[in-house]
Amino acid sequence: MNTRKIQTKVFGEECSLEIMDFNKADGKKWKAVFDLWRGLKMGLRDYKSREPNFPEGLSEVAFCLWSGSSRFISAKGLSNTSFDTFDVKTMKAEQIKACSVEKDLTSFGPTSKWDDLYFLDFYNDGKVDGKFDIYKIPSKLIYENKVNKNQTLKDQQGEKRRPRFCIKKDIIAANKIKPIASKVKVW
């Protein structure tokens, strides 16, 4: 892996991005870190304890290893930096959401913005073995999703709230979205 700076345009703004690139060899390190996290997750199950959330460092790097995108680190000259990865080929800012449980509870910050949104499902029929399915989610479905009886995600963002809902049930299952890749293995 290596970190570099690029001059580009994001959301119509000229900026300098610091990004991290990965290659195939980085997959083995990713798997070693994943296995450490999985050991903690499964070990806490024995104590009937709340399990740790899936770390963004694992989900974002897994996506980058699969897609060739770069992990976003920092920016200069950009007003909104809520995205996670950046595809230097398409010049698109990407939002990555992930889960390792059967029923996710995903949240979006009040200023979340992206060009493309991807959901990574690491549950893998309860195995949580590092393999994952990838879904490309149409942004319209996220912004227009009802998060309560009267409000959509976009409505709550306008109130500076952080709406939460189940992407797997409310978006993927409800709209019969198929994965763009299944049982992905990045090591």
N, C-alpha and C. Protein backbone atom coordinates (compact mmCIF):
# COMPACT_ATOMS: atom_id res chain seq x y z
N MET A 1 0.84 -1.17 0.00
CA MET A 1 0.00 0.00 0.00
C MET A 1 0.88 1.23 0.00
N ASN A 2 0.39 2.27 -0.63
CA ASN A 2 1.11 3.53 -0.61
C ASN A 2 0.13 4.70 -0.61
N THR A 3 0.59 5.80 -0.04
CA THR A 3 -0.23 7.00 0.05
C THR A 3 0.33 8.03 -0.93
N ARG A 4 -0.58 8.74 -1.60
CA ARG A 4 -0.15 9.76 -2.54
C ARG A 4 -1.17 10.90 -2.58
N LYS A 5 -0.78 12.01 -3.19
CA LYS A 5 -1.68 13.16 -3.35
C LYS A 5 -1.96 13.36 -4.82
N ILE A 6 -3.22 13.70 -5.11
CA ILE A 6 -3.60 13.97 -6.50
C ILE A 6 -4.40 15.27 -6.55
N GLN A 7 -4.29 15.98 -7.66
CA GLN A 7 -5.11 17.15 -7.93
C GLN A 7 -6.29 16.65 -8.75
N THR A 8 -7.50 16.98 -8.34
CA THR A 8 -8.68 16.48 -9.05
C THR A 8 -9.86 17.38 -8.78
N LYS A 9 -11.00 16.95 -9.25
CA LYS A 9 -12.25 17.65 -9.03
C LYS A 9 -13.21 16.66 -8.38
N VAL A 10 -13.80 17.05 -7.24
CA VAL A 10 -14.79 16.22 -6.55
C VAL A 10 -16.02 17.10 -6.28
N PHE A 11 -17.18 16.61 -6.63
CA PHE A 11 -18.44 17.35 -6.47
C PHE A 11 -18.33 18.74 -7.11
N GLY A 12 -17.60 18.83 -8.22
CA GLY A 12 -17.46 20.08 -8.94
C GLY A 12 -16.44 21.05 -8.38
N GLU A 13 -15.71 20.65 -7.35
CA GLU A 13 -14.72 21.52 -6.71
C GLU A 13 -13.30 21.03 -6.99
N GLU A 14 -12.42 21.94 -7.41
CA GLU A 14 -11.00 21.63 -7.57
C GLU A 14 -10.42 21.40 -6.18
N CYS A 15 -9.64 20.32 -6.02
CA CYS A 15 -9.09 20.02 -4.70
C CYS A 15 -7.86 19.14 -4.82
N SER A 16 -7.20 18.97 -3.69
CA SER A 16 -6.08 18.05 -3.57
C SER A 16 -6.52 16.94 -2.61
N LEU A 17 -6.45 15.70 -3.08
CA LEU A 17 -6.82 14.56 -2.24
C LEU A 17 -5.58 13.77 -1.84
N GLU A 18 -5.57 13.34 -0.60
CA GLU A 18 -4.59 12.36 -0.17
C GLU A 18 -5.32 11.02 -0.19
N ILE A 19 -4.78 10.08 -0.93
CA ILE A 19 -5.44 8.78 -1.09
C ILE A 19 -4.44 7.65 -0.83
N MET A 20 -4.97 6.48 -0.54
CA MET A 20 -4.15 5.29 -0.30
C MET A 20 -4.49 4.24 -1.35
N ASP A 21 -3.47 3.73 -2.02
CA ASP A 21 -3.64 2.69 -3.04
C ASP A 21 -3.20 1.34 -2.49
N PHE A 22 -3.79 0.30 -3.03
CA PHE A 22 -3.50 -1.07 -2.59
C PHE A 22 -3.19 -1.94 -3.79
N ASN A 23 -2.45 -3.04 -3.54
CA ASN A 23 -2.22 -4.01 -4.60
C ASN A 23 -2.57 -5.40 -4.05
N LYS A 24 -2.50 -6.38 -4.90
CA LYS A 24 -2.89 -7.75 -4.54
C LYS A 24 -2.18 -8.25 -3.27
N ALA A 25 -0.91 -7.89 -3.12
CA ALA A 25 -0.14 -8.35 -1.95
C ALA A 25 -0.73 -7.83 -0.63
N ASP A 26 -1.42 -6.69 -0.67
CA ASP A 26 -2.02 -6.13 0.54
C ASP A 26 -3.20 -6.97 1.04
N GLY A 27 -3.71 -7.86 0.21
CA GLY A 27 -4.82 -8.71 0.61
C GLY A 27 -4.48 -9.63 1.78
N LYS A 28 -3.28 -10.14 1.81
CA LYS A 28 -2.87 -11.03 2.92
C LYS A 28 -2.85 -10.28 4.25
N LYS A 29 -2.34 -9.05 4.24
CA LYS A 29 -2.34 -8.24 5.47
C LYS A 29 -3.78 -7.95 5.89
N TRP A 30 -4.64 -7.62 4.91
CA TRP A 30 -6.05 -7.36 5.20
C TRP A 30 -6.66 -8.56 5.90
N LYS A 31 -6.39 -9.77 5.39
CA LYS A 31 -6.97 -10.99 5.97
C LYS A 31 -6.46 -11.20 7.39
N ALA A 32 -5.20 -10.91 7.65
CA ALA A 32 -4.64 -11.08 9.00
C ALA A 32 -5.34 -10.13 9.98
N VAL A 33 -5.57 -8.89 9.57
CA VAL A 33 -6.26 -7.93 10.44
C VAL A 33 -7.73 -8.35 10.60
N PHE A 34 -8.35 -8.79 9.50
CA PHE A 34 -9.74 -9.27 9.57
C PHE A 34 -9.85 -10.41 10.58
N ASP A 35 -8.93 -11.36 10.54
CA ASP A 35 -8.97 -12.51 11.45
C ASP A 35 -8.84 -12.07 12.92
N LEU A 36 -8.03 -11.05 13.17
CA LEU A 36 -7.92 -10.52 14.54
C LEU A 36 -9.26 -9.93 14.99
N TRP A 37 -9.88 -9.12 14.12
CA TRP A 37 -11.18 -8.54 14.44
C TRP A 37 -12.23 -9.65 14.63
N ARG A 38 -12.22 -10.65 13.75
CA ARG A 38 -13.19 -11.74 13.85
C ARG A 38 -13.01 -12.50 15.17
N GLY A 39 -11.77 -12.70 15.60
CA GLY A 39 -11.52 -13.38 16.88
C GLY A 39 -12.15 -12.62 18.04
N LEU A 40 -12.03 -11.31 18.03
CA LEU A 40 -12.67 -10.49 19.07
C LEU A 40 -14.18 -10.62 18.98
N LYS A 41 -14.73 -10.49 17.78
CA LYS A 41 -16.18 -10.57 17.57
C LYS A 41 -16.73 -11.91 18.09
N MET A 42 -16.14 -13.00 17.66
CA MET A 42 -16.63 -14.32 18.05
C MET A 42 -16.35 -14.61 19.52
N GLY A 43 -15.22 -14.13 20.03
CA GLY A 43 -14.91 -14.32 21.44
C GLY A 43 -15.91 -13.63 22.35
N LEU A 44 -16.35 -12.43 21.95
CA LEU A 44 -17.33 -11.71 22.76
C LEU A 44 -18.70 -12.39 22.74
N ARG A 45 -18.98 -13.12 21.68
CA ARG A 45 -20.25 -13.88 21.61
C ARG A 45 -20.35 -14.85 22.79
N ASP A 46 -19.23 -15.46 23.15
CA ASP A 46 -19.22 -16.42 24.26
C ASP A 46 -19.70 -15.78 25.56
N TYR A 47 -19.48 -14.46 25.70
CA TYR A 47 -19.88 -13.75 26.91
C TYR A 47 -21.24 -13.08 26.77
N LYS A 48 -21.94 -13.40 25.66
CA LYS A 48 -23.25 -12.78 25.38
C LYS A 48 -23.13 -11.26 25.39
N SER A 49 -22.00 -10.80 24.87
CA SER A 49 -21.69 -9.37 24.84
C SER A 49 -22.04 -8.77 23.49
N ARG A 50 -22.21 -7.48 23.48
CA ARG A 50 -22.41 -6.77 22.22
C ARG A 50 -21.14 -6.91 21.40
N GLU A 51 -21.29 -7.25 20.14
CA GLU A 51 -20.14 -7.45 19.27
C GLU A 51 -19.68 -6.13 18.66
N PRO A 52 -18.39 -6.01 18.38
CA PRO A 52 -17.90 -4.75 17.80
C PRO A 52 -18.43 -4.55 16.38
N ASN A 53 -18.69 -3.29 16.04
CA ASN A 53 -19.12 -2.96 14.68
C ASN A 53 -18.02 -3.33 13.69
N PHE A 54 -18.40 -3.47 12.45
CA PHE A 54 -17.43 -3.77 11.41
C PHE A 54 -16.61 -2.52 11.14
N PRO A 55 -15.30 -2.57 11.29
CA PRO A 55 -14.47 -1.37 11.14
C PRO A 55 -14.41 -0.86 9.70
N GLU A 56 -14.48 0.46 9.57
CA GLU A 56 -14.41 1.08 8.25
C GLU A 56 -13.08 0.77 7.55
N GLY A 57 -12.02 0.65 8.32
CA GLY A 57 -10.73 0.32 7.73
C GLY A 57 -10.75 -1.02 7.01
N LEU A 58 -11.50 -1.98 7.54
CA LEU A 58 -11.62 -3.28 6.88
C LEU A 58 -12.53 -3.21 5.65
N SER A 59 -13.69 -2.58 5.80
CA SER A 59 -14.64 -2.55 4.68
C SER A 59 -14.12 -1.72 3.51
N GLU A 60 -13.57 -0.54 3.81
CA GLU A 60 -13.09 0.33 2.74
C GLU A 60 -11.89 -0.28 2.02
N VAL A 61 -10.97 -0.87 2.76
CA VAL A 61 -9.81 -1.49 2.13
C VAL A 61 -10.25 -2.72 1.32
N ALA A 62 -11.17 -3.51 1.84
CA ALA A 62 -11.68 -4.66 1.08
C ALA A 62 -12.27 -4.20 -0.25
N PHE A 63 -13.06 -3.13 -0.20
CA PHE A 63 -13.65 -2.61 -1.44
C PHE A 63 -12.54 -2.16 -2.41
N CYS A 64 -11.55 -1.46 -1.90
CA CYS A 64 -10.45 -0.99 -2.75
C CYS A 64 -9.67 -2.16 -3.36
N LEU A 65 -9.41 -3.19 -2.57
CA LEU A 65 -8.71 -4.36 -3.09
C LEU A 65 -9.50 -5.01 -4.22
N TRP A 66 -10.81 -5.02 -4.11
CA TRP A 66 -11.66 -5.61 -5.15
C TRP A 66 -11.79 -4.70 -6.37
N SER A 67 -12.03 -3.41 -6.13
CA SER A 67 -12.40 -2.50 -7.23
C SER A 67 -11.24 -1.77 -7.89
N GLY A 68 -10.13 -1.61 -7.16
CA GLY A 68 -9.04 -0.79 -7.67
C GLY A 68 -9.19 0.68 -7.30
N SER A 69 -10.24 1.02 -6.56
CA SER A 69 -10.40 2.39 -6.06
C SER A 69 -9.34 2.66 -5.00
N SER A 70 -9.23 3.92 -4.61
CA SER A 70 -8.28 4.34 -3.57
C SER A 70 -9.04 4.77 -2.33
N ARG A 71 -8.47 4.49 -1.17
CA ARG A 71 -9.10 4.90 0.09
C ARG A 71 -8.83 6.39 0.30
N PHE A 72 -9.87 7.14 0.61
CA PHE A 72 -9.75 8.57 0.86
C PHE A 72 -9.18 8.80 2.25
N ILE A 73 -8.15 9.64 2.35
CA ILE A 73 -7.51 9.97 3.62
C ILE A 73 -7.85 11.39 4.04
N SER A 74 -7.57 12.38 3.18
CA SER A 74 -7.85 13.77 3.52
C SER A 74 -7.95 14.60 2.24
N ALA A 75 -8.41 15.85 2.41
CA ALA A 75 -8.56 16.74 1.26
C ALA A 75 -8.24 18.17 1.64
N LYS A 76 -7.78 18.91 0.66
CA LYS A 76 -7.60 20.37 0.79
C LYS A 76 -8.42 21.01 -0.32
N GLY A 77 -9.21 22.02 0.06
CA GLY A 77 -10.00 22.73 -0.94
C GLY A 77 -11.33 22.09 -1.26
N LEU A 78 -11.80 21.19 -0.40
CA LEU A 78 -13.07 20.49 -0.64
C LEU A 78 -14.00 20.72 0.54
N SER A 79 -15.23 21.17 0.27
CA SER A 79 -16.15 21.51 1.35
C SER A 79 -16.84 20.29 1.97
N ASN A 80 -16.98 19.20 1.23
CA ASN A 80 -17.63 18.01 1.79
C ASN A 80 -16.70 16.82 1.62
N THR A 81 -16.30 16.23 2.74
CA THR A 81 -15.37 15.09 2.70
C THR A 81 -15.98 13.85 3.36
N SER A 82 -17.27 13.65 3.15
CA SER A 82 -17.95 12.54 3.83
C SER A 82 -17.85 11.21 3.08
N PHE A 83 -17.18 11.18 1.96
CA PHE A 83 -17.07 9.92 1.19
C PHE A 83 -15.90 9.09 1.73
N ASP A 84 -15.80 7.84 1.27
CA ASP A 84 -14.83 6.89 1.82
C ASP A 84 -13.71 6.51 0.86
N THR A 85 -14.06 6.32 -0.40
CA THR A 85 -13.08 5.90 -1.41
C THR A 85 -13.25 6.77 -2.64
N PHE A 86 -12.24 6.74 -3.51
CA PHE A 86 -12.28 7.55 -4.73
C PHE A 86 -11.75 6.71 -5.88
N ASP A 87 -12.53 6.67 -6.95
CA ASP A 87 -12.13 5.94 -8.16
C ASP A 87 -11.43 6.92 -9.09
N VAL A 88 -10.11 6.80 -9.21
CA VAL A 88 -9.34 7.75 -10.02
C VAL A 88 -9.61 7.58 -11.52
N LYS A 89 -10.14 6.44 -11.93
CA LYS A 89 -10.46 6.24 -13.35
C LYS A 89 -11.75 6.97 -13.73
N THR A 90 -12.76 6.86 -12.90
CA THR A 90 -14.06 7.49 -13.20
C THR A 90 -14.21 8.86 -12.54
N MET A 91 -13.27 9.19 -11.62
CA MET A 91 -13.30 10.45 -10.86
C MET A 91 -14.56 10.56 -9.99
N LYS A 92 -14.96 9.43 -9.42
CA LYS A 92 -16.16 9.41 -8.58
C LYS A 92 -15.82 9.17 -7.12
N ALA A 93 -16.51 9.91 -6.25
CA ALA A 93 -16.41 9.72 -4.81
C ALA A 93 -17.38 8.61 -4.42
N GLU A 94 -16.90 7.67 -3.62
CA GLU A 94 -17.71 6.49 -3.29
C GLU A 94 -17.97 6.42 -1.78
N GLN A 95 -19.18 6.06 -1.43
CA GLN A 95 -19.56 5.81 -0.04
C GLN A 95 -19.63 4.30 0.14
N ILE A 96 -18.97 3.79 1.18
CA ILE A 96 -18.95 2.35 1.43
C ILE A 96 -19.66 2.08 2.75
N LYS A 97 -20.66 1.23 2.72
CA LYS A 97 -21.36 0.78 3.92
C LYS A 97 -21.18 -0.73 3.98
N ALA A 98 -21.12 -1.27 5.19
CA ALA A 98 -20.89 -2.71 5.33
C ALA A 98 -21.51 -3.23 6.61
N CYS A 99 -21.71 -4.55 6.63
CA CYS A 99 -22.18 -5.19 7.86
C CYS A 99 -21.64 -6.61 7.93
N SER A 100 -21.66 -7.15 9.14
CA SER A 100 -21.22 -8.54 9.36
C SER A 100 -22.28 -9.29 10.17
N VAL A 101 -23.49 -8.76 10.16
CA VAL A 101 -24.61 -9.37 10.89
C VAL A 101 -25.76 -9.60 9.92
N GLU A 102 -26.71 -10.41 10.35
CA GLU A 102 -27.83 -10.73 9.46
C GLU A 102 -28.68 -9.50 9.16
N LYS A 103 -28.96 -8.70 10.17
CA LYS A 103 -29.80 -7.50 9.99
C LYS A 103 -28.99 -6.27 10.37
N ASP A 104 -28.56 -5.55 9.35
CA ASP A 104 -27.74 -4.35 9.59
C ASP A 104 -28.58 -3.20 10.14
N LEU A 105 -27.92 -2.27 10.75
CA LEU A 105 -28.50 -0.99 11.14
C LEU A 105 -27.49 0.05 10.66
N THR A 106 -27.74 0.59 9.48
CA THR A 106 -26.80 1.48 8.83
C THR A 106 -27.23 2.93 9.04
N SER A 107 -26.25 3.80 9.25
CA SER A 107 -26.58 5.21 9.46
C SER A 107 -25.86 6.07 8.42
N PHE A 108 -26.43 7.24 8.20
CA PHE A 108 -25.87 8.23 7.28
C PHE A 108 -25.82 9.57 8.01
N GLY A 109 -24.67 10.22 7.97
CA GLY A 109 -24.54 11.52 8.61
C GLY A 109 -25.34 12.58 7.87
N PRO A 110 -25.59 13.69 8.54
CA PRO A 110 -26.40 14.74 7.92
C PRO A 110 -25.78 15.37 6.68
N THR A 111 -24.46 15.23 6.50
CA THR A 111 -23.82 15.81 5.32
C THR A 111 -23.30 14.74 4.36
N SER A 112 -23.69 13.47 4.56
CA SER A 112 -23.21 12.39 3.68
C SER A 112 -23.51 12.72 2.22
N LYS A 113 -22.48 12.57 1.40
CA LYS A 113 -22.60 12.86 -0.03
C LYS A 113 -21.68 11.91 -0.78
N TRP A 114 -22.09 11.49 -1.96
CA TRP A 114 -21.30 10.54 -2.75
C TRP A 114 -21.78 10.57 -4.19
N ASP A 115 -20.96 9.98 -5.07
CA ASP A 115 -21.37 9.75 -6.45
C ASP A 115 -21.94 8.35 -6.59
N ASP A 116 -21.27 7.36 -5.98
CA ASP A 116 -21.71 5.97 -6.01
C ASP A 116 -21.70 5.42 -4.60
N LEU A 117 -22.70 4.58 -4.30
CA LEU A 117 -22.82 3.96 -2.98
C LEU A 117 -22.76 2.45 -3.12
N TYR A 118 -21.90 1.82 -2.30
CA TYR A 118 -21.76 0.37 -2.31
C TYR A 118 -22.02 -0.18 -0.92
N PHE A 119 -22.67 -1.34 -0.87
CA PHE A 119 -22.93 -2.02 0.39
C PHE A 119 -22.23 -3.37 0.35
N LEU A 120 -21.39 -3.64 1.35
CA LEU A 120 -20.65 -4.90 1.44
C LEU A 120 -21.25 -5.73 2.56
N ASP A 121 -21.67 -6.93 2.22
CA ASP A 121 -22.30 -7.83 3.20
C ASP A 121 -21.33 -8.96 3.53
N PHE A 122 -20.73 -8.86 4.73
CA PHE A 122 -19.76 -9.84 5.21
C PHE A 122 -20.40 -10.96 6.02
N TYR A 123 -21.71 -10.96 6.17
CA TYR A 123 -22.39 -11.96 7.00
C TYR A 123 -22.15 -13.37 6.47
N ASN A 124 -22.27 -13.56 5.17
CA ASN A 124 -21.96 -14.83 4.50
C ASN A 124 -22.61 -16.02 5.20
N ASP A 125 -23.93 -15.96 5.34
CA ASP A 125 -24.71 -17.03 5.98
C ASP A 125 -24.23 -17.34 7.39
N GLY A 126 -23.73 -16.33 8.10
CA GLY A 126 -23.29 -16.50 9.48
C GLY A 126 -21.85 -16.94 9.65
N LYS A 127 -21.15 -17.21 8.55
CA LYS A 127 -19.75 -17.67 8.66
C LYS A 127 -18.80 -16.53 9.04
N VAL A 128 -19.07 -15.33 8.55
CA VAL A 128 -18.20 -14.16 8.78
C VAL A 128 -16.73 -14.60 8.61
N ASP A 129 -16.42 -15.05 7.40
CA ASP A 129 -15.10 -15.62 7.11
C ASP A 129 -14.21 -14.71 6.26
N GLY A 130 -14.68 -13.50 5.99
CA GLY A 130 -13.91 -12.58 5.16
C GLY A 130 -14.42 -12.45 3.74
N LYS A 131 -15.21 -13.40 3.30
CA LYS A 131 -15.82 -13.30 1.97
C LYS A 131 -17.05 -12.41 2.08
N PHE A 132 -17.35 -11.69 0.99
CA PHE A 132 -18.46 -10.74 1.04
C PHE A 132 -19.14 -10.57 -0.31
N ASP A 133 -20.39 -10.11 -0.26
CA ASP A 133 -21.15 -9.76 -1.45
C ASP A 133 -21.13 -8.24 -1.57
N ILE A 134 -21.13 -7.74 -2.81
CA ILE A 134 -21.12 -6.30 -3.06
C ILE A 134 -22.37 -5.91 -3.82
N TYR A 135 -23.03 -4.88 -3.33
CA TYR A 135 -24.22 -4.33 -3.96
C TYR A 135 -23.96 -2.88 -4.32
N LYS A 136 -24.31 -2.49 -5.53
CA LYS A 136 -24.28 -1.07 -5.90
C LYS A 136 -25.71 -0.57 -5.70
N ILE A 137 -25.85 0.40 -4.83
CA ILE A 137 -27.18 0.88 -4.43
C ILE A 137 -27.48 2.20 -5.13
N PRO A 138 -28.58 2.30 -5.85
CA PRO A 138 -28.95 3.59 -6.45
C PRO A 138 -29.21 4.63 -5.35
N SER A 139 -28.57 5.77 -5.47
CA SER A 139 -28.67 6.82 -4.45
C SER A 139 -30.12 7.24 -4.19
N LYS A 140 -30.92 7.28 -5.23
CA LYS A 140 -32.32 7.69 -5.09
C LYS A 140 -33.04 6.81 -4.06
N LEU A 141 -32.74 5.51 -4.06
CA LEU A 141 -33.40 4.61 -3.11
C LEU A 141 -33.01 4.93 -1.67
N ILE A 142 -31.79 5.39 -1.46
CA ILE A 142 -31.34 5.75 -0.12
C ILE A 142 -31.99 7.05 0.32
N TYR A 143 -31.88 8.08 -0.51
CA TYR A 143 -32.41 9.39 -0.14
C TYR A 143 -33.92 9.40 0.04
N GLU A 144 -34.63 8.58 -0.73
CA GLU A 144 -36.09 8.56 -0.65
C GLU A 144 -36.64 7.50 0.31
N ASN A 145 -35.75 6.74 0.94
CA ASN A 145 -36.19 5.70 1.87
C ASN A 145 -36.85 6.31 3.10
N LYS A 146 -38.01 5.79 3.45
CA LYS A 146 -38.72 6.24 4.66
C LYS A 146 -38.00 5.69 5.88
N VAL A 147 -37.53 6.58 6.74
CA VAL A 147 -36.85 6.16 7.96
C VAL A 147 -37.81 6.19 9.16
N ASN A 148 -38.95 6.79 8.97
CA ASN A 148 -40.05 6.70 9.92
C ASN A 148 -41.34 6.93 9.14
N LYS A 149 -42.45 7.03 9.83
CA LYS A 149 -43.75 7.14 9.17
C LYS A 149 -43.85 8.32 8.20
N ASN A 150 -43.22 9.43 8.56
CA ASN A 150 -43.41 10.66 7.80
C ASN A 150 -42.18 11.22 7.10
N GLN A 151 -41.00 10.67 7.39
CA GLN A 151 -39.79 11.28 6.86
C GLN A 151 -38.90 10.31 6.09
N THR A 152 -38.24 10.89 5.07
CA THR A 152 -37.23 10.15 4.31
C THR A 152 -35.85 10.47 4.90
N LEU A 153 -34.85 9.75 4.44
CA LEU A 153 -33.48 10.03 4.87
C LEU A 153 -33.15 11.48 4.54
N LYS A 154 -33.49 11.94 3.35
CA LYS A 154 -33.19 13.32 2.94
C LYS A 154 -33.85 14.33 3.88
N ASP A 155 -35.11 14.06 4.30
CA ASP A 155 -35.80 14.96 5.24
C ASP A 155 -35.01 15.07 6.54
N GLN A 156 -34.58 13.92 7.08
CA GLN A 156 -33.87 13.93 8.36
C GLN A 156 -32.48 14.57 8.23
N GLN A 157 -31.84 14.38 7.10
CA GLN A 157 -30.55 15.03 6.90
C GLN A 157 -30.73 16.55 6.92
N GLY A 158 -31.85 17.03 6.36
CA GLY A 158 -32.14 18.46 6.37
C GLY A 158 -32.31 19.01 7.78
N GLU A 159 -32.66 18.14 8.72
CA GLU A 159 -32.81 18.53 10.12
C GLU A 159 -31.53 18.26 10.91
N LYS A 160 -30.44 17.96 10.19
CA LYS A 160 -29.13 17.67 10.81
C LYS A 160 -29.16 16.42 11.69
N ARG A 161 -30.00 15.46 11.32
CA ARG A 161 -30.10 14.21 12.07
C ARG A 161 -29.32 13.13 11.36
N ARG A 162 -29.12 12.02 12.05
CA ARG A 162 -28.35 10.89 11.53
C ARG A 162 -29.28 9.68 11.43
N PRO A 163 -30.03 9.59 10.34
CA PRO A 163 -31.00 8.49 10.21
C PRO A 163 -30.34 7.12 10.10
N ARG A 164 -31.03 6.10 10.64
CA ARG A 164 -30.56 4.72 10.62
C ARG A 164 -31.69 3.83 10.08
N PHE A 165 -31.29 2.84 9.30
CA PHE A 165 -32.25 1.85 8.80
C PHE A 165 -31.49 0.64 8.30
N CYS A 166 -32.24 -0.39 7.95
CA CYS A 166 -31.66 -1.65 7.50
C CYS A 166 -31.57 -1.67 5.97
N ILE A 167 -30.38 -1.49 5.44
CA ILE A 167 -30.20 -1.49 3.98
C ILE A 167 -30.58 -2.85 3.39
N LYS A 168 -30.21 -3.93 4.07
CA LYS A 168 -30.50 -5.27 3.53
C LYS A 168 -32.01 -5.49 3.36
N LYS A 169 -32.79 -5.09 4.35
CA LYS A 169 -34.24 -5.30 4.29
C LYS A 169 -34.95 -4.20 3.51
N ASP A 170 -34.67 -2.95 3.88
CA ASP A 170 -35.42 -1.82 3.34
C ASP A 170 -35.05 -1.45 1.91
N ILE A 171 -33.83 -1.74 1.49
CA ILE A 171 -33.39 -1.34 0.16
C ILE A 171 -33.12 -2.56 -0.73
N ILE A 172 -32.21 -3.43 -0.31
CA ILE A 172 -31.81 -4.56 -1.16
C ILE A 172 -32.96 -5.54 -1.37
N ALA A 173 -33.55 -6.05 -0.27
CA ALA A 173 -34.65 -7.02 -0.40
C ALA A 173 -35.90 -6.37 -1.00
N ALA A 174 -36.24 -5.18 -0.52
CA ALA A 174 -37.46 -4.51 -0.99
C ALA A 174 -37.41 -4.19 -2.48
N ASN A 175 -36.22 -3.95 -3.02
CA ASN A 175 -36.08 -3.61 -4.43
C ASN A 175 -35.47 -4.73 -5.26
N LYS A 176 -35.31 -5.90 -4.64
CA LYS A 176 -34.77 -7.08 -5.32
C LYS A 176 -33.45 -6.79 -6.05
N ILE A 177 -32.56 -6.10 -5.33
CA ILE A 177 -31.26 -5.76 -5.90
C ILE A 177 -30.34 -6.97 -5.78
N LYS A 178 -29.71 -7.31 -6.87
CA LYS A 178 -28.77 -8.44 -6.92
C LYS A 178 -27.35 -7.92 -6.71
N PRO A 179 -26.49 -8.74 -6.10
CA PRO A 179 -25.10 -8.30 -5.93
C PRO A 179 -24.39 -8.18 -7.26
N ILE A 180 -23.46 -7.21 -7.32
CA ILE A 180 -22.64 -7.08 -8.53
C ILE A 180 -21.44 -8.03 -8.44
N ALA A 181 -21.19 -8.56 -7.24
CA ALA A 181 -20.14 -9.57 -7.04
C ALA A 181 -20.52 -10.37 -5.80
N SER A 182 -20.28 -11.68 -5.83
CA SER A 182 -20.64 -12.55 -4.71
C SER A 182 -19.44 -13.35 -4.20
N LYS A 183 -19.45 -13.59 -2.88
CA LYS A 183 -18.42 -14.40 -2.23
C LYS A 183 -17.01 -13.90 -2.61
N VAL A 184 -16.85 -12.58 -2.60
CA VAL A 184 -15.58 -11.97 -2.97
C VAL A 184 -14.53 -12.32 -1.92
N LYS A 185 -13.35 -12.67 -2.39
CA LYS A 185 -12.22 -13.01 -1.54
C LYS A 185 -11.04 -12.14 -2.00
N VAL A 186 -10.51 -11.29 -1.10
CA VAL A 186 -9.47 -10.35 -1.53
C VAL A 186 -8.06 -10.74 -1.08
N TRP A 187 -7.89 -11.94 -0.55
CA TRP A 187 -6.56 -12.38 -0.12
C TRP A 187 -6.06 -13.54 -0.95
